[in-house]
Amino acid sequence: MQKLVACMYNIQTENNEQEKGAVCLKSTAELANSIKTKVHKNRVTVLEKDATLTFIGAGRSAVVFKVSSEKKALKVFFPDCIHIAKEEAAIYNILKGNNYFPQIHESGDNFLLIDYIEGDTLFECLTKGIKITEPFISEIDQALLSAKQEGLNPSDIHLRNIILTTRGDIKLIDVARFRQTKNCRQWKDLKKAFTRLYKKTYFPKKIPGFILNAISYLYKKRFPQIGFVLEFF
């Protein structure tokens, strides 16, 4: 049975008067189906969406919106990536009750409804100059260990899927690759860079986003042998 999401907005009454503040219940699937996007050269444009959704961001496989008046995020997958929705939903269900990860509330053929996490990704922390401390690194280690104890293999751990919340704790998102069998070095390299570079007094604590993106591109596409120095970004 589909859950319903409460949306506050004006509706038209039979005598053509506006009744403000009425509640319209829409299913999560209806909200997901209201979203129309266009992808061109890795740029995502939202063409249509329900008025109750606020755009948060886009990734390689999906777009994410905050549901108005609720602390929930709706992740809608692109048509060629809908197979990922089922996989990520299964992993979030394995992680249910784990406070290091958002909780899943509902899933469908092309969407997930999960907790909305307020805070900054570690990528945003670097661009804003928010200090990343050793306790944060230890907390991320603990989060990944807790996932491993559930039989998962955390992969694709990078700065954009680690969030420092407004409460000062750590949350990890985008878990679709947590059942991969390959050995992922990203988090190990990030920790090396934190120790050997970021902690040094001379290392800048605020870095422009375009520099971070450029270094990430070089590491992933051109110079993987550089190792942890570039993977930090």
Protein backbone atom coordinates (compact mmCIF):
# COMPACT_ATOMS: atom_id res chain seq x y z
CA MET A 1 0.00 0.00 0.00
CA GLN A 2 1.49 3.31 -1.06
CA LYS A 3 2.21 5.94 1.56
CA LEU A 4 0.84 9.43 1.08
CA VAL A 5 2.74 12.68 1.44
CA ALA A 6 0.88 15.69 2.80
CA CYS A 7 1.32 18.81 0.65
CA MET A 8 0.08 22.25 1.77
CA TYR A 9 -1.19 24.47 -1.02
CA ASN A 10 -4.29 26.21 -2.45
CA ILE A 11 -7.02 24.15 -4.14
CA GLN A 12 -10.01 25.19 -6.24
CA THR A 13 -13.43 24.71 -4.64
CA GLU A 14 -16.67 23.98 -6.50
CA ASN A 15 -17.77 27.64 -6.42
CA ASN A 16 -14.42 28.77 -7.87
CA GLU A 17 -13.23 30.32 -4.62
CA GLN A 18 -9.74 29.65 -3.31
CA GLU A 19 -9.61 27.73 -0.06
CA LYS A 20 -6.16 28.37 1.40
CA GLY A 21 -4.26 25.90 3.51
CA ALA A 22 -6.11 22.83 2.28
CA VAL A 23 -4.26 19.55 2.46
CA CYS A 24 -3.78 17.43 -0.64
CA LEU A 25 -2.42 13.94 -0.15
CA LYS A 26 -0.17 12.79 -2.96
CA SER A 27 1.59 9.48 -3.15
CA THR A 28 5.36 9.46 -3.30
CA ALA A 29 5.10 7.81 -6.71
CA GLU A 30 3.02 10.73 -7.97
CA LEU A 31 5.61 13.19 -6.73
CA ALA A 32 8.37 11.17 -8.38
CA ASN A 33 6.47 11.00 -11.67
CA SER A 34 5.97 14.77 -11.65
CA ILE A 35 9.71 15.23 -12.20
CA LYS A 36 10.96 15.70 -15.76
CA THR A 37 14.65 16.24 -16.42
CA LYS A 38 17.02 16.76 -19.32
CA VAL A 39 20.61 15.57 -19.24
CA HIS A 40 23.09 17.14 -21.64
CA LYS A 41 26.87 16.83 -21.39
CA ASN A 42 26.70 15.82 -17.72
CA ARG A 43 24.48 18.82 -16.93
CA VAL A 44 21.04 18.12 -15.50
CA THR A 45 18.13 20.52 -16.03
CA VAL A 46 14.86 20.07 -14.13
CA LEU A 47 12.10 20.80 -16.65
CA GLU A 48 9.08 20.02 -14.47
CA LYS A 49 8.38 19.09 -10.86
CA ASP A 50 5.63 19.25 -8.27
CA ALA A 51 5.49 22.62 -6.52
CA THR A 52 6.00 20.94 -3.16
CA LEU A 53 9.48 19.71 -4.09
CA THR A 54 12.66 21.74 -3.61
CA PHE A 55 15.66 20.79 -5.74
CA ILE A 56 18.73 19.76 -3.69
CA GLY A 57 21.14 18.41 -6.26
CA ALA A 58 21.94 15.92 -9.03
CA GLY A 59 24.41 13.10 -9.36
CA ARG A 60 25.44 10.57 -11.97
CA SER A 61 22.29 8.49 -11.60
CA ALA A 62 19.58 10.60 -9.94
CA VAL A 63 18.19 13.96 -8.87
CA VAL A 64 17.27 14.72 -5.25
CA PHE A 65 14.54 16.96 -3.84
CA LYS A 66 13.42 17.93 -0.36
CA VAL A 67 9.74 17.28 0.31
CA SER A 68 8.09 20.45 1.63
CA SER A 69 7.05 20.47 5.29
CA GLU A 70 8.81 17.13 5.89
CA LYS A 71 12.35 16.15 6.81
CA LYS A 72 12.49 13.74 3.91
CA ALA A 73 14.37 13.66 0.62
CA LEU A 74 13.04 12.19 -2.62
CA LYS A 75 15.70 10.64 -4.84
CA VAL A 76 14.49 10.02 -8.40
CA PHE A 77 16.65 7.99 -10.76
CA PHE A 78 17.20 8.70 -14.45
CA PRO A 79 15.50 6.26 -16.86
CA ASP A 80 18.75 4.46 -17.69
CA CYS A 81 19.64 4.10 -13.99
CA ILE A 82 16.41 2.81 -12.47
CA HIS A 83 18.04 -0.56 -11.74
CA ILE A 84 20.11 1.26 -9.10
CA ALA A 85 16.96 2.26 -7.19
CA LYS A 86 16.22 -1.35 -6.24
CA GLU A 87 19.82 -2.01 -5.23
CA GLU A 88 20.15 1.10 -3.10
CA ALA A 89 16.79 0.47 -1.44
CA ALA A 90 17.92 -3.04 -0.50
CA ILE A 91 21.11 -1.69 1.06
CA TYR A 92 19.31 1.03 3.00
CA ASN A 93 16.99 -1.67 4.35
CA ILE A 94 20.02 -3.63 5.55
CA LEU A 95 21.24 -0.47 7.30
CA LYS A 96 17.90 0.31 8.96
CA GLY A 97 18.43 1.49 12.51
CA ASN A 98 22.06 2.47 11.84
CA ASN A 99 22.38 6.12 12.90
CA TYR A 100 25.29 6.78 10.55
CA PHE A 101 23.02 6.50 7.52
CA PRO A 102 19.68 8.09 6.54
CA GLN A 103 16.67 5.87 7.12
CA ILE A 104 14.58 4.73 4.17
CA HIS A 105 10.83 5.33 4.33
CA GLU A 106 9.65 4.12 0.93
CA SER A 107 10.93 2.96 -2.45
CA GLY A 108 9.54 2.42 -5.92
CA ASP A 109 10.66 1.45 -9.39
CA ASN A 110 12.56 4.71 -9.87
CA PHE A 111 12.67 6.46 -6.50
CA LEU A 112 13.68 6.36 -2.83
CA LEU A 113 12.20 8.39 0.02
CA ILE A 114 14.80 8.79 2.77
CA ASP A 115 15.67 11.11 5.65
CA TYR A 116 16.65 14.64 4.66
CA ILE A 117 20.05 15.37 6.22
CA GLU A 118 20.82 18.99 7.05
CA GLY A 119 24.50 19.92 6.91
CA ASP A 120 27.51 20.23 4.62
CA THR A 121 29.28 17.54 2.64
CA LEU A 122 33.02 17.34 3.25
CA PHE A 123 33.42 18.83 -0.22
CA GLU A 124 31.38 21.84 0.92
CA CYS A 125 33.36 22.00 4.18
CA LEU A 126 36.53 22.44 2.14
CA THR A 127 35.03 25.12 -0.11
CA LYS A 128 33.64 27.01 2.92
CA GLY A 129 36.68 26.61 5.15
CA ILE A 130 34.85 24.52 7.77
CA LYS A 131 37.53 22.60 9.65
CA ILE A 132 37.58 18.82 9.33
CA THR A 133 38.83 17.28 12.57
CA GLU A 134 40.24 13.92 13.63
CA PRO A 135 37.06 12.99 15.57
CA PHE A 136 35.12 13.33 12.29
CA ILE A 137 37.55 10.97 10.56
CA SER A 138 37.20 8.46 13.42
CA GLU A 139 33.42 8.69 13.20
CA ILE A 140 33.51 7.95 9.46
CA ASP A 141 35.70 4.92 10.20
CA GLN A 142 33.11 3.73 12.71
CA ALA A 143 30.29 4.25 10.21
CA LEU A 144 32.06 2.17 7.57
CA LEU A 145 32.90 -0.53 10.12
CA SER A 146 29.24 -0.74 11.14
CA ALA A 147 28.30 -1.30 7.49
CA LYS A 148 30.93 -4.02 7.13
CA GLN A 149 29.52 -5.75 10.19
CA GLU A 150 26.25 -6.05 8.25
CA GLY A 151 28.09 -7.93 5.50
CA LEU A 152 28.48 -4.91 3.20
CA ASN A 153 31.57 -3.66 1.37
CA PRO A 154 31.49 0.17 1.49
CA SER A 155 32.68 1.55 -1.84
CA ASP A 156 32.71 4.89 -3.65
CA ILE A 157 33.40 6.85 -0.45
CA HIS A 158 34.23 10.41 -1.45
CA LEU A 159 33.83 13.95 -0.16
CA ARG A 160 30.37 14.49 -1.62
CA ASN A 161 28.71 11.54 0.09
CA ILE A 162 29.93 12.26 3.62
CA ILE A 163 27.90 14.89 5.47
CA LEU A 164 28.81 16.86 8.58
CA THR A 165 25.36 17.56 10.00
CA THR A 166 24.20 20.75 11.69
CA ARG A 167 24.28 18.77 14.94
CA GLY A 168 27.98 18.06 14.48
CA ASP A 169 27.82 14.35 13.67
CA ILE A 170 28.53 12.34 10.54
CA LYS A 171 26.11 10.80 8.03
CA LEU A 172 26.94 8.82 4.89
CA ILE A 173 24.68 8.80 1.83
CA ASP A 174 24.63 7.17 -1.64
CA VAL A 175 25.12 3.54 -0.62
CA ALA A 176 24.29 1.91 -3.96
CA ARG A 177 27.81 0.51 -4.36
CA PHE A 178 28.06 -0.99 -0.87
CA ARG A 179 27.70 -4.54 -2.19
CA GLN A 180 30.49 -4.35 -4.76
CA THR A 181 33.14 -7.03 -4.46
CA LYS A 182 36.10 -4.96 -5.59
CA ASN A 183 38.53 -3.41 -3.12
CA CYS A 184 37.87 0.34 -3.09
CA ARG A 185 40.82 2.47 -1.95
CA GLN A 186 39.11 5.86 -1.89
CA TRP A 187 38.58 6.18 1.84
CA LYS A 188 42.07 4.87 2.65
CA ASP A 189 43.54 7.47 0.32
CA LEU A 190 41.41 10.22 1.81
CA LYS A 191 42.65 9.39 5.30
CA LYS A 192 46.28 9.40 4.14
CA ALA A 193 45.79 12.81 2.61
CA PHE A 194 44.14 14.09 5.79
CA THR A 195 47.16 13.01 7.85
CA ARG A 196 49.95 13.93 5.43
CA LEU A 197 48.49 17.11 3.94
CA TYR A 198 45.36 18.59 5.47
CA LYS A 199 46.60 18.50 9.10
CA LYS A 200 49.73 20.47 8.23
CA THR A 201 49.56 24.09 9.34
CA TYR A 202 50.61 25.32 5.90
CA PHE A 203 47.91 23.40 4.04
CA PRO A 204 44.94 25.64 3.07
CA LYS A 205 41.70 24.80 4.86
CA LYS A 206 39.57 26.60 2.26
CA ILE A 207 39.85 25.52 -1.38
CA PRO A 208 37.77 26.73 -4.36
CA GLY A 209 35.38 24.16 -5.76
CA PHE A 210 36.74 24.37 -9.30
CA ILE A 211 40.18 23.35 -8.03
CA LEU A 212 38.76 20.39 -6.14
CA ASN A 213 36.82 19.29 -9.22
CA ALA A 214 39.85 19.63 -11.47
CA ILE A 215 42.06 17.56 -9.18
CA SER A 216 39.38 14.91 -8.82
CA TYR A 217 39.08 14.69 -12.61
CA LEU A 218 42.84 14.32 -13.01
CA TYR A 219 42.99 11.55 -10.46
CA LYS A 220 40.08 9.54 -11.79
CA LYS A 221 40.69 9.99 -15.50
CA ARG A 222 44.34 10.64 -16.09
CA PHE A 223 46.72 9.96 -13.23
CA PRO A 224 45.44 7.25 -10.86
CA GLN A 225 49.04 6.38 -10.00
CA ILE A 226 49.34 9.63 -8.06
CA GLY A 227 47.33 7.91 -5.35
CA PHE A 228 46.23 9.52 -2.14
CA VAL A 229 47.49 13.05 -2.94
CA LEU A 230 44.81 13.58 -5.54
CA GLU A 231 42.17 11.23 -4.20
CA PHE A 232 41.84 13.52 -1.18
CA PHE A 233 39.95 15.85 -3.46
